[in-house]
Amino acid sequence: MDQAIQKMKNEPKALTTVEKDQTMAVHKLVEAIQLLSQPPQEQKQQEQEQQQAQQQNQGASQAQNNQQARQTDMRHLLQSVRDREAQRRRDKRQRGTAGYAPVEKDW
C-alpha cells in the first residue's frame, strides 16, 4: 500500500489522466443508462401492434353487436308482419261468414 502511495505522489500527471478517464466513463455510463431507460424501437412497434389488434377486436365486437341488433330487429319485423297477416285472415273469415245468413230454398 505504501508503494502505491509513493507512486501516486511521484506521478501527479497520472492522476489527472485517471480523472479524465473517470469523467469520460461517467459520461458513457450516463448515456448507456439513458439508452436503457428508453424503450427500444422494437418494443414500441410491438406496443403499436397490440393497440391495433385491440382496436380491431373492439371493432369486430362492435360489428358483431350491430349484426345481432339487426337480426333482432329483422325478427321483430318479421313477427309483426306475421301478426298482421294472421289478423287480416281472421278479419276476412269473420266478414265472410257474417255477411250471409243461410236461407231456405223458395223454389
N, C-alpha and C. Protein backbone atom coordinates (compact mmCIF):
# COMPACT_ATOMS: atom_id res chain seq x y z
N MET A 1 0.82 -1.18 0.00
CA MET A 1 0.00 0.00 0.00
C MET A 1 0.87 1.26 0.00
N ASP A 2 1.91 1.17 0.79
CA ASP A 2 2.83 2.32 0.85
C ASP A 2 3.47 2.59 -0.51
N GLN A 3 3.72 1.52 -1.22
CA GLN A 3 4.32 1.70 -2.55
C GLN A 3 3.35 2.41 -3.49
N ALA A 4 2.07 2.08 -3.39
CA ALA A 4 1.07 2.73 -4.25
C ALA A 4 0.98 4.20 -3.92
N ILE A 5 1.08 4.54 -2.64
CA ILE A 5 1.01 5.95 -2.24
C ILE A 5 2.24 6.68 -2.76
N GLN A 6 3.39 6.03 -2.67
CA GLN A 6 4.63 6.64 -3.16
C GLN A 6 4.54 6.90 -4.67
N LYS A 7 4.02 5.94 -5.40
CA LYS A 7 3.92 6.10 -6.84
C LYS A 7 2.96 7.22 -7.20
N MET A 8 1.86 7.32 -6.42
CA MET A 8 0.89 8.38 -6.69
C MET A 8 1.50 9.75 -6.43
N LYS A 9 2.33 9.84 -5.42
CA LYS A 9 2.98 11.12 -5.13
C LYS A 9 4.01 11.46 -6.19
N ASN A 10 4.65 10.46 -6.70
CA ASN A 10 5.68 10.68 -7.70
C ASN A 10 5.09 11.01 -9.07
N GLU A 11 3.86 10.55 -9.34
CA GLU A 11 3.28 10.74 -10.66
C GLU A 11 1.96 11.51 -10.57
N PRO A 12 1.99 12.83 -10.35
CA PRO A 12 0.75 13.59 -10.29
C PRO A 12 0.07 13.71 -11.66
N LYS A 13 0.84 13.60 -12.73
CA LYS A 13 0.25 13.67 -14.06
C LYS A 13 -0.66 12.47 -14.30
N ALA A 14 -0.31 11.35 -13.78
CA ALA A 14 -1.11 10.15 -13.97
C ALA A 14 -2.49 10.32 -13.34
N LEU A 15 -2.56 11.06 -12.25
CA LEU A 15 -3.84 11.29 -11.58
C LEU A 15 -4.77 12.11 -12.47
N THR A 16 -4.24 13.10 -13.13
CA THR A 16 -5.10 13.91 -13.98
C THR A 16 -5.63 13.09 -15.15
N THR A 17 -4.81 12.20 -15.68
CA THR A 17 -5.30 11.36 -16.77
C THR A 17 -6.35 10.36 -16.26
N VAL A 18 -6.17 9.87 -15.06
CA VAL A 18 -7.14 8.96 -14.47
C VAL A 18 -8.45 9.70 -14.23
N GLU A 19 -8.33 10.93 -13.77
CA GLU A 19 -9.54 11.73 -13.52
C GLU A 19 -10.30 11.97 -14.82
N LYS A 20 -9.58 12.25 -15.89
CA LYS A 20 -10.22 12.46 -17.19
C LYS A 20 -10.90 11.17 -17.65
N ASP A 21 -10.22 10.06 -17.47
CA ASP A 21 -10.79 8.77 -17.86
C ASP A 21 -12.05 8.46 -17.05
N GLN A 22 -12.00 8.77 -15.77
CA GLN A 22 -13.17 8.54 -14.92
C GLN A 22 -14.36 9.42 -15.36
N THR A 23 -14.07 10.68 -15.68
CA THR A 23 -15.11 11.58 -16.13
C THR A 23 -15.72 11.06 -17.43
N MET A 24 -14.88 10.62 -18.32
CA MET A 24 -15.36 10.08 -19.59
C MET A 24 -16.21 8.82 -19.33
N ALA A 25 -15.77 7.97 -18.43
CA ALA A 25 -16.51 6.75 -18.11
C ALA A 25 -17.88 7.09 -17.51
N VAL A 26 -17.92 8.11 -16.66
CA VAL A 26 -19.20 8.52 -16.06
C VAL A 26 -20.15 8.99 -17.16
N HIS A 27 -19.65 9.77 -18.10
CA HIS A 27 -20.48 10.24 -19.20
C HIS A 27 -21.00 9.07 -20.05
N LYS A 28 -20.14 8.11 -20.30
CA LYS A 28 -20.54 6.93 -21.07
C LYS A 28 -21.62 6.15 -20.31
N LEU A 29 -21.45 6.05 -18.99
CA LEU A 29 -22.46 5.34 -18.19
C LEU A 29 -23.80 6.06 -18.23
N VAL A 30 -23.76 7.38 -18.17
CA VAL A 30 -25.00 8.15 -18.24
C VAL A 30 -25.69 7.92 -19.58
N GLU A 31 -24.94 7.91 -20.66
CA GLU A 31 -25.51 7.66 -21.98
C GLU A 31 -26.12 6.26 -22.06
N ALA A 32 -25.40 5.28 -21.49
CA ALA A 32 -25.90 3.90 -21.51
C ALA A 32 -27.19 3.78 -20.72
N ILE A 33 -27.26 4.44 -19.58
CA ILE A 33 -28.48 4.40 -18.75
C ILE A 33 -29.63 5.04 -19.50
N GLN A 34 -29.38 6.14 -20.20
CA GLN A 34 -30.44 6.79 -20.97
C GLN A 34 -30.94 5.88 -22.08
N LEU A 35 -30.02 5.20 -22.74
CA LEU A 35 -30.43 4.27 -23.80
C LEU A 35 -31.26 3.12 -23.24
N LEU A 36 -30.88 2.63 -22.08
CA LEU A 36 -31.63 1.53 -21.48
C LEU A 36 -32.97 1.97 -20.93
N SER A 37 -33.07 3.20 -20.49
CA SER A 37 -34.33 3.66 -19.93
C SER A 37 -35.36 3.96 -21.02
N GLN A 38 -34.93 4.26 -22.22
CA GLN A 38 -35.85 4.48 -23.33
C GLN A 38 -36.23 3.13 -23.92
N PRO A 39 -37.54 2.94 -24.22
CA PRO A 39 -37.93 1.67 -24.81
C PRO A 39 -37.35 1.54 -26.21
N PRO A 40 -36.85 0.39 -26.55
CA PRO A 40 -36.28 0.21 -27.89
C PRO A 40 -37.36 0.28 -28.96
N GLN A 41 -36.94 0.49 -30.17
CA GLN A 41 -37.86 0.66 -31.30
C GLN A 41 -38.75 -0.57 -31.48
N GLU A 42 -38.19 -1.75 -31.27
CA GLU A 42 -38.98 -2.97 -31.42
C GLU A 42 -40.12 -3.01 -30.41
N GLN A 43 -39.82 -2.60 -29.18
CA GLN A 43 -40.84 -2.61 -28.15
C GLN A 43 -41.96 -1.63 -28.50
N LYS A 44 -41.59 -0.48 -29.05
CA LYS A 44 -42.60 0.48 -29.47
C LYS A 44 -43.48 -0.11 -30.57
N GLN A 45 -42.86 -0.81 -31.50
CA GLN A 45 -43.62 -1.42 -32.59
C GLN A 45 -44.57 -2.49 -32.07
N GLN A 46 -44.09 -3.28 -31.09
CA GLN A 46 -44.96 -4.31 -30.51
C GLN A 46 -46.14 -3.68 -29.80
N GLU A 47 -45.89 -2.60 -29.08
CA GLU A 47 -46.98 -1.92 -28.39
C GLU A 47 -48.00 -1.38 -29.40
N GLN A 48 -47.52 -0.81 -30.49
CA GLN A 48 -48.43 -0.30 -31.52
C GLN A 48 -49.24 -1.43 -32.14
N GLU A 49 -48.58 -2.57 -32.40
CA GLU A 49 -49.29 -3.71 -32.97
C GLU A 49 -50.36 -4.22 -32.01
N GLN A 50 -50.03 -4.25 -30.72
CA GLN A 50 -51.00 -4.69 -29.72
C GLN A 50 -52.19 -3.74 -29.67
N GLN A 51 -51.93 -2.45 -29.75
CA GLN A 51 -53.01 -1.48 -29.74
C GLN A 51 -53.89 -1.65 -30.97
N GLN A 52 -53.28 -1.87 -32.12
CA GLN A 52 -54.04 -2.08 -33.34
C GLN A 52 -54.89 -3.34 -33.24
N ALA A 53 -54.32 -4.39 -32.68
CA ALA A 53 -55.07 -5.64 -32.52
C ALA A 53 -56.25 -5.44 -31.59
N GLN A 54 -56.04 -4.68 -30.50
CA GLN A 54 -57.14 -4.40 -29.58
C GLN A 54 -58.23 -3.59 -30.28
N GLN A 55 -57.83 -2.62 -31.07
CA GLN A 55 -58.81 -1.81 -31.78
C GLN A 55 -59.58 -2.66 -32.78
N GLN A 56 -58.89 -3.58 -33.45
CA GLN A 56 -59.57 -4.44 -34.40
C GLN A 56 -60.54 -5.36 -33.67
N ASN A 57 -60.12 -5.87 -32.51
CA ASN A 57 -61.02 -6.73 -31.73
C ASN A 57 -62.25 -5.96 -31.27
N GLN A 58 -62.04 -4.71 -30.86
CA GLN A 58 -63.16 -3.89 -30.44
C GLN A 58 -64.08 -3.61 -31.63
N GLY A 59 -63.49 -3.34 -32.77
CA GLY A 59 -64.28 -3.10 -33.98
C GLY A 59 -65.07 -4.34 -34.37
N ALA A 60 -64.44 -5.52 -34.24
CA ALA A 60 -65.13 -6.77 -34.56
C ALA A 60 -66.27 -7.00 -33.58
N SER A 61 -66.04 -6.71 -32.31
CA SER A 61 -67.09 -6.87 -31.30
C SER A 61 -68.25 -5.94 -31.60
N GLN A 62 -67.94 -4.71 -31.96
CA GLN A 62 -69.00 -3.75 -32.27
C GLN A 62 -69.77 -4.19 -33.52
N ALA A 63 -69.04 -4.70 -34.51
CA ALA A 63 -69.70 -5.18 -35.72
C ALA A 63 -70.61 -6.37 -35.41
N GLN A 64 -70.13 -7.25 -34.54
CA GLN A 64 -70.93 -8.40 -34.16
C GLN A 64 -72.17 -7.95 -33.39
N ASN A 65 -72.01 -6.99 -32.50
CA ASN A 65 -73.16 -6.46 -31.75
C ASN A 65 -74.16 -5.80 -32.70
N ASN A 66 -73.64 -5.05 -33.66
CA ASN A 66 -74.52 -4.41 -34.65
C ASN A 66 -75.28 -5.46 -35.46
N GLN A 67 -74.58 -6.51 -35.85
CA GLN A 67 -75.22 -7.56 -36.63
C GLN A 67 -76.30 -8.25 -35.80
N GLN A 68 -76.02 -8.52 -34.53
CA GLN A 68 -77.03 -9.14 -33.67
C GLN A 68 -78.24 -8.22 -33.50
N ALA A 69 -77.99 -6.93 -33.37
CA ALA A 69 -79.10 -5.98 -33.23
C ALA A 69 -79.94 -5.96 -34.51
N ARG A 70 -79.29 -5.99 -35.67
CA ARG A 70 -80.03 -6.02 -36.93
C ARG A 70 -80.85 -7.30 -37.05
N GLN A 71 -80.27 -8.42 -36.65
CA GLN A 71 -81.01 -9.68 -36.72
C GLN A 71 -82.23 -9.63 -35.80
N THR A 72 -82.06 -9.07 -34.62
CA THR A 72 -83.17 -8.94 -33.69
C THR A 72 -84.25 -8.05 -34.28
N ASP A 73 -83.84 -6.93 -34.86
CA ASP A 73 -84.80 -6.03 -35.50
C ASP A 73 -85.53 -6.73 -36.64
N MET A 74 -84.82 -7.51 -37.40
CA MET A 74 -85.44 -8.22 -38.53
C MET A 74 -86.44 -9.26 -38.02
N ARG A 75 -86.09 -9.92 -36.93
CA ARG A 75 -87.02 -10.91 -36.36
C ARG A 75 -88.29 -10.24 -35.86
N HIS A 76 -88.13 -9.09 -35.22
CA HIS A 76 -89.30 -8.34 -34.74
C HIS A 76 -90.17 -7.90 -35.92
N LEU A 77 -89.53 -7.43 -36.96
CA LEU A 77 -90.26 -7.00 -38.15
C LEU A 77 -91.01 -8.18 -38.78
N LEU A 78 -90.35 -9.30 -38.90
CA LEU A 78 -90.98 -10.48 -39.47
C LEU A 78 -92.17 -10.93 -38.61
N GLN A 79 -91.98 -10.90 -37.29
CA GLN A 79 -93.08 -11.30 -36.41
C GLN A 79 -94.27 -10.35 -36.53
N SER A 80 -93.99 -9.06 -36.66
CA SER A 80 -95.09 -8.11 -36.80
C SER A 80 -95.83 -8.32 -38.12
N VAL A 81 -95.11 -8.66 -39.18
CA VAL A 81 -95.75 -8.96 -40.48
C VAL A 81 -96.63 -10.20 -40.33
N ARG A 82 -96.12 -11.22 -39.67
CA ARG A 82 -96.92 -12.44 -39.46
C ARG A 82 -98.18 -12.15 -38.64
N ASP A 83 -98.02 -11.34 -37.60
CA ASP A 83 -99.17 -10.99 -36.76
C ASP A 83 -100.24 -10.25 -37.57
N ARG A 84 -99.81 -9.29 -38.40
CA ARG A 84 -100.77 -8.54 -39.22
C ARG A 84 -101.48 -9.46 -40.22
N GLU A 85 -100.72 -10.37 -40.82
CA GLU A 85 -101.32 -11.31 -41.78
C GLU A 85 -102.33 -12.22 -41.08
N ALA A 86 -102.01 -12.70 -39.90
CA ALA A 86 -102.94 -13.55 -39.15
C ALA A 86 -104.20 -12.76 -38.80
N GLN A 87 -104.04 -11.52 -38.39
CA GLN A 87 -105.21 -10.68 -38.06
C GLN A 87 -106.06 -10.43 -39.30
N ARG A 88 -105.42 -10.19 -40.44
CA ARG A 88 -106.15 -9.96 -41.69
C ARG A 88 -106.97 -11.19 -42.06
N ARG A 89 -106.41 -12.38 -41.90
CA ARG A 89 -107.13 -13.61 -42.22
C ARG A 89 -108.31 -13.83 -41.27
N ARG A 90 -108.10 -13.56 -40.00
CA ARG A 90 -109.22 -13.67 -39.04
C ARG A 90 -110.35 -12.72 -39.41
N ASP A 91 -109.96 -11.47 -39.73
CA ASP A 91 -110.97 -10.49 -40.11
C ASP A 91 -111.72 -10.93 -41.38
N LYS A 92 -111.00 -11.47 -42.31
CA LYS A 92 -111.61 -11.91 -43.57
C LYS A 92 -112.59 -13.07 -43.31
N ARG A 93 -112.22 -14.00 -42.46
CA ARG A 93 -113.12 -15.10 -42.13
C ARG A 93 -114.40 -14.60 -41.46
N GLN A 94 -114.22 -13.65 -40.55
CA GLN A 94 -115.40 -13.11 -39.86
C GLN A 94 -116.32 -12.38 -40.84
N ARG A 95 -115.77 -11.60 -41.73
CA ARG A 95 -116.57 -10.89 -42.73
C ARG A 95 -117.24 -11.86 -43.69
N GLY A 96 -116.56 -12.92 -44.02
CA GLY A 96 -117.10 -13.88 -44.97
C GLY A 96 -118.31 -14.61 -44.43
N THR A 97 -118.34 -14.98 -43.19
CA THR A 97 -119.46 -15.72 -42.62
C THR A 97 -120.52 -14.79 -42.06
N ALA A 98 -120.15 -13.61 -41.66
CA ALA A 98 -121.12 -12.70 -41.05
C ALA A 98 -121.99 -12.01 -42.09
N GLY A 99 -121.57 -11.89 -43.30
CA GLY A 99 -122.31 -11.17 -44.32
C GLY A 99 -123.49 -11.96 -44.88
N TYR A 100 -123.45 -13.26 -44.79
CA TYR A 100 -124.52 -14.07 -45.39
C TYR A 100 -125.22 -14.89 -44.32
N ALA A 101 -126.55 -14.84 -44.35
CA ALA A 101 -127.33 -15.66 -43.44
C ALA A 101 -127.97 -16.79 -44.26
N PRO A 102 -127.87 -18.00 -43.78
CA PRO A 102 -128.46 -19.09 -44.55
C PRO A 102 -129.98 -18.97 -44.62
N VAL A 103 -130.53 -19.21 -45.78
CA VAL A 103 -131.99 -19.12 -46.01
C VAL A 103 -132.51 -20.43 -46.60
N GLU A 104 -133.79 -20.66 -46.47
CA GLU A 104 -134.36 -21.84 -47.08
C GLU A 104 -134.58 -21.59 -48.56
N LYS A 105 -134.59 -22.64 -49.29
CA LYS A 105 -134.85 -22.52 -50.70
C LYS A 105 -136.34 -22.24 -50.91
N ASP A 106 -136.61 -21.32 -51.77
CA ASP A 106 -138.04 -20.98 -52.01
C ASP A 106 -138.52 -21.55 -53.33
N TRP A 107 -137.88 -22.32 -54.00
CA TRP A 107 -138.40 -22.89 -55.23
C TRP A 107 -138.84 -24.28 -55.12
